[in-house]
Amino acid sequence: DNVRLLAKILERHHIRSYIHADAALYGMVLPFLPQNEQKEKLFDFRTKLNSIAVSGHKFAGSPIPCGIVIVRKHLAQKLQTYIEYIDAHDTTLSGSRDAFTPLIFWYRIKTIGLHGFKKQVAYCTELADFLVKELNKIGWPDVMQSSITVSFRRPSEKIIKKWELATQKDIAHVICLPHETKEQLHRFMEDLKKEMK
């Protein structure tokens, strides 16, 4: 969603709001898109966002499921409580976190690095572009692309089950991730072609 536009509409109508970006998947994709593609989709604290949630395991590939919620400082401070036995203020649920999981996520970010994430996003975008081209080539209906996600008309239940496609009503989608290959997409397309015969 266009956060800037949403914020303007809310302001114009004098609606108090709290805007949260659930960026579980795309929080680790959008920052690494080329600048011209980022502009439309940008959601960060330069906009009117109050908080952002990002998953560490979906795109980044942390082996332990985890996520980060980043909140504007003045809002986080409203949640803080004083903990006497450690003589400090805390803004999280006490005792609800371990140190190992964020360390693993941090290590994942450090080992892949900025250049590595840019390469991964470029690769995934290339896969999505390829899939769109192949779907259009065979005349599959309702093809749409948003970065690394390709949506299209729902295929048969047999294909949905075989390829574990996410569906909603008449639409299915594929999210192109770093572990996927063009070979997999070729095999998927072969199944779709058979269905069209």
Protein backbone atom coordinates (compact mmCIF):
# COMPACT_ATOMS: atom_id res chain seq x y z
CA ASP A 1 0.00 0.00 0.00
CA ASN A 2 1.09 3.56 -0.61
CA VAL A 3 1.79 4.76 2.95
CA ARG A 4 2.34 8.38 1.90
CA LEU A 5 -1.03 8.53 0.15
CA LEU A 6 -2.78 6.78 3.03
CA ALA A 7 -1.29 9.25 5.54
CA LYS A 8 -2.38 12.23 3.39
CA ILE A 9 -5.96 10.93 3.21
CA LEU A 10 -6.09 10.36 6.97
CA GLU A 11 -4.70 13.87 7.63
CA ARG A 12 -7.10 15.49 5.15
CA HIS A 13 -10.04 13.96 7.00
CA HIS A 14 -8.54 14.70 10.44
CA ILE A 15 -8.48 11.03 11.39
CA ARG A 16 -6.11 10.14 14.20
CA SER A 17 -4.26 7.03 13.25
CA TYR A 18 -1.52 4.58 13.98
CA ILE A 19 0.02 3.20 10.81
CA HIS A 20 1.77 -0.16 11.06
CA ALA A 21 3.53 -1.84 8.12
CA ASP A 22 3.34 -5.61 8.21
CA ALA A 23 6.46 -6.09 6.12
CA ALA A 24 7.06 -9.69 7.12
CA LEU A 25 8.25 -10.68 3.65
CA TYR A 26 8.82 -7.44 1.77
CA GLY A 27 10.67 -5.72 4.61
CA MET A 28 13.76 -7.61 3.50
CA VAL A 29 13.04 -7.10 -0.22
CA LEU A 30 12.02 -3.46 -0.81
CA PRO A 31 15.17 -1.85 0.65
CA PHE A 32 17.24 -3.79 -1.88
CA LEU A 33 15.24 -3.00 -5.01
CA PRO A 34 16.75 -0.51 -7.46
CA GLN A 35 15.96 3.08 -6.41
CA ASN A 36 13.42 3.67 -9.20
CA GLU A 37 11.35 0.65 -8.09
CA GLN A 38 11.59 1.59 -4.39
CA LYS A 39 10.07 5.03 -4.74
CA GLU A 40 6.47 3.87 -5.28
CA LYS A 41 6.56 1.18 -2.64
CA LEU A 42 8.63 2.91 0.01
CA PHE A 43 7.52 2.50 3.57
CA ASP A 44 9.86 3.69 6.25
CA PHE A 45 9.99 6.24 9.02
CA ARG A 46 10.33 9.12 6.54
CA THR A 47 6.61 8.50 5.98
CA LYS A 48 3.97 8.67 8.72
CA LEU A 49 4.59 5.07 9.78
CA ASN A 50 4.53 4.36 13.49
CA SER A 51 5.88 0.81 13.36
CA ILE A 52 7.20 -1.84 10.99
CA ALA A 53 7.38 -5.62 11.46
CA VAL A 54 9.95 -7.62 9.48
CA SER A 55 10.46 -11.38 9.42
CA GLY A 56 13.96 -12.77 9.75
CA HIS A 57 13.20 -16.17 8.27
CA LYS A 58 10.97 -15.52 5.24
CA PHE A 59 13.24 -13.77 2.75
CA ALA A 60 16.42 -13.35 4.79
CA GLY A 61 16.48 -17.08 5.49
CA SER A 62 17.30 -17.14 9.19
CA PRO A 63 17.05 -20.82 10.20
CA ILE A 64 15.10 -19.94 13.34
CA PRO A 65 11.71 -18.25 12.83
CA CYS A 66 11.94 -14.71 14.16
CA GLY A 67 10.83 -11.17 13.54
CA ILE A 68 11.61 -7.61 14.46
CA VAL A 69 9.18 -4.84 15.32
CA ILE A 70 10.60 -1.35 14.99
CA VAL A 71 8.58 1.40 16.68
CA ARG A 72 9.07 5.15 16.85
CA LYS A 73 11.02 5.94 20.00
CA HIS A 74 8.40 8.22 21.58
CA LEU A 75 5.78 5.47 21.18
CA ALA A 76 8.04 2.74 22.54
CA GLN A 77 8.80 4.89 25.59
CA LYS A 78 5.09 4.93 26.45
CA LEU A 79 5.27 1.15 26.90
CA GLN A 80 8.37 1.05 29.05
CA THR A 81 8.28 -0.11 32.62
CA TYR A 82 10.90 0.14 35.30
CA ILE A 83 12.34 -3.19 36.41
CA GLU A 84 13.79 -2.80 39.86
CA TYR A 85 16.00 -5.88 40.06
CA ILE A 86 17.98 -4.88 36.95
CA ASP A 87 17.60 -1.14 37.63
CA ALA A 88 16.53 -0.41 34.06
CA HIS A 89 13.55 0.48 31.91
CA ASP A 90 12.30 -2.16 29.49
CA THR A 91 9.94 -1.87 26.53
CA THR A 92 9.51 -5.59 25.85
CA LEU A 93 7.66 -8.38 27.58
CA SER A 94 10.10 -9.32 30.29
CA GLY A 95 11.39 -12.86 30.02
CA SER A 96 9.88 -13.34 26.56
CA ARG A 97 13.03 -13.19 24.53
CA ASP A 98 16.23 -15.08 24.11
CA ALA A 99 19.56 -13.73 22.91
CA PHE A 100 20.34 -16.56 20.49
CA THR A 101 17.60 -16.01 17.89
CA PRO A 102 18.42 -12.33 17.21
CA LEU A 103 22.11 -13.27 17.11
CA ILE A 104 21.41 -15.84 14.38
CA PHE A 105 19.37 -13.26 12.41
CA TRP A 106 22.13 -10.65 12.85
CA TYR A 107 24.70 -13.21 11.65
CA ARG A 108 22.56 -13.96 8.60
CA ILE A 109 22.38 -10.24 7.74
CA LYS A 110 26.13 -9.79 8.24
CA THR A 111 27.11 -12.82 6.14
CA ILE A 112 24.80 -11.98 3.23
CA GLY A 113 25.55 -8.25 3.42
CA LEU A 114 24.10 -5.34 1.48
CA HIS A 115 25.55 -6.49 -1.85
CA GLY A 116 24.34 -10.06 -1.23
CA PHE A 117 20.76 -8.97 -0.49
CA LYS A 118 20.76 -6.77 -3.61
CA LYS A 119 21.91 -9.77 -5.67
CA GLN A 120 19.25 -12.01 -4.11
CA VAL A 121 16.47 -9.51 -4.78
CA ALA A 122 17.69 -9.02 -8.36
CA TYR A 123 17.75 -12.80 -8.86
CA CYS A 124 14.24 -13.22 -7.43
CA THR A 125 12.93 -10.36 -9.58
CA GLU A 126 14.52 -12.03 -12.62
CA LEU A 127 12.73 -15.28 -11.73
CA ALA A 128 9.41 -13.43 -11.36
CA ASP A 129 9.93 -11.66 -14.71
CA PHE A 130 10.68 -15.03 -16.31
CA LEU A 131 7.53 -16.60 -14.84
CA VAL A 132 5.35 -13.71 -16.06
CA LYS A 133 6.84 -14.02 -19.56
CA GLU A 134 6.20 -17.78 -19.61
CA LEU A 135 2.62 -17.44 -18.29
CA ASN A 136 1.85 -14.78 -20.89
CA LYS A 137 3.45 -16.90 -23.62
CA ILE A 138 0.94 -19.72 -23.02
CA GLY A 139 -1.96 -17.29 -22.58
CA TRP A 140 -2.60 -18.07 -18.90
CA PRO A 141 -5.23 -15.57 -17.67
CA ASP A 142 -5.01 -12.76 -15.11
CA VAL A 143 -1.21 -12.55 -14.76
CA MET A 144 0.04 -9.77 -12.48
CA GLN A 145 3.45 -9.08 -10.97
CA SER A 146 4.44 -7.13 -7.90
CA SER A 147 8.19 -7.34 -7.46
CA ILE A 148 8.94 -10.99 -6.57
CA THR A 149 5.29 -12.10 -6.35
CA VAL A 150 3.45 -13.34 -9.43
CA SER A 151 -0.35 -13.74 -9.27
CA PHE A 152 -2.41 -15.58 -11.87
CA ARG A 153 -5.70 -17.39 -12.45
CA ARG A 154 -6.10 -20.35 -10.12
CA PRO A 155 -5.08 -23.66 -11.76
CA SER A 156 -6.52 -27.10 -10.99
CA GLU A 157 -6.48 -28.56 -7.47
CA LYS A 158 -3.98 -31.14 -8.71
CA ILE A 159 -1.45 -28.40 -9.57
CA ILE A 160 -2.24 -26.42 -6.42
CA LYS A 161 -1.49 -29.47 -4.27
CA LYS A 162 1.58 -30.58 -6.23
CA TRP A 163 3.18 -27.13 -6.16
CA GLU A 164 1.73 -26.07 -2.76
CA LEU A 165 0.38 -22.84 -4.23
CA ALA A 166 -1.18 -20.21 -2.02
CA THR A 167 -4.64 -19.36 -3.31
CA GLN A 168 -7.49 -17.02 -2.58
CA LYS A 169 -10.74 -17.49 -4.48
CA ASP A 170 -9.84 -17.51 -8.21
CA ILE A 171 -6.24 -16.35 -7.79
CA ALA A 172 -3.02 -18.24 -7.03
CA HIS A 173 0.41 -16.79 -6.52
CA VAL A 174 4.07 -17.73 -6.54
CA ILE A 175 6.63 -15.85 -4.49
CA CYS A 176 10.05 -16.18 -6.12
CA LEU A 177 12.63 -16.72 -3.38
CA PRO A 178 16.42 -17.16 -3.45
CA HIS A 179 16.30 -20.97 -3.12
CA GLU A 180 14.17 -21.39 -6.25
CA THR A 181 15.48 -22.01 -9.76
CA LYS A 182 14.42 -21.47 -13.36
CA GLU A 183 14.42 -25.26 -13.69
CA GLN A 184 11.65 -25.46 -11.06
CA LEU A 185 9.69 -22.78 -12.90
CA HIS A 186 10.14 -24.69 -16.19
CA ARG A 187 8.68 -27.83 -14.55
CA PHE A 188 5.80 -25.78 -13.12
CA MET A 189 5.10 -24.33 -16.57
CA GLU A 190 5.11 -27.81 -18.13
CA ASP A 191 2.35 -28.81 -15.69
CA LEU A 192 0.32 -25.72 -16.57
CA LYS A 193 0.75 -26.37 -20.31
CA LYS A 194 -0.58 -29.91 -19.86
CA GLU A 195 -3.60 -28.50 -18.07
CA MET A 196 -4.35 -26.17 -20.97
CA LYS A 197 -4.51 -29.03 -23.52
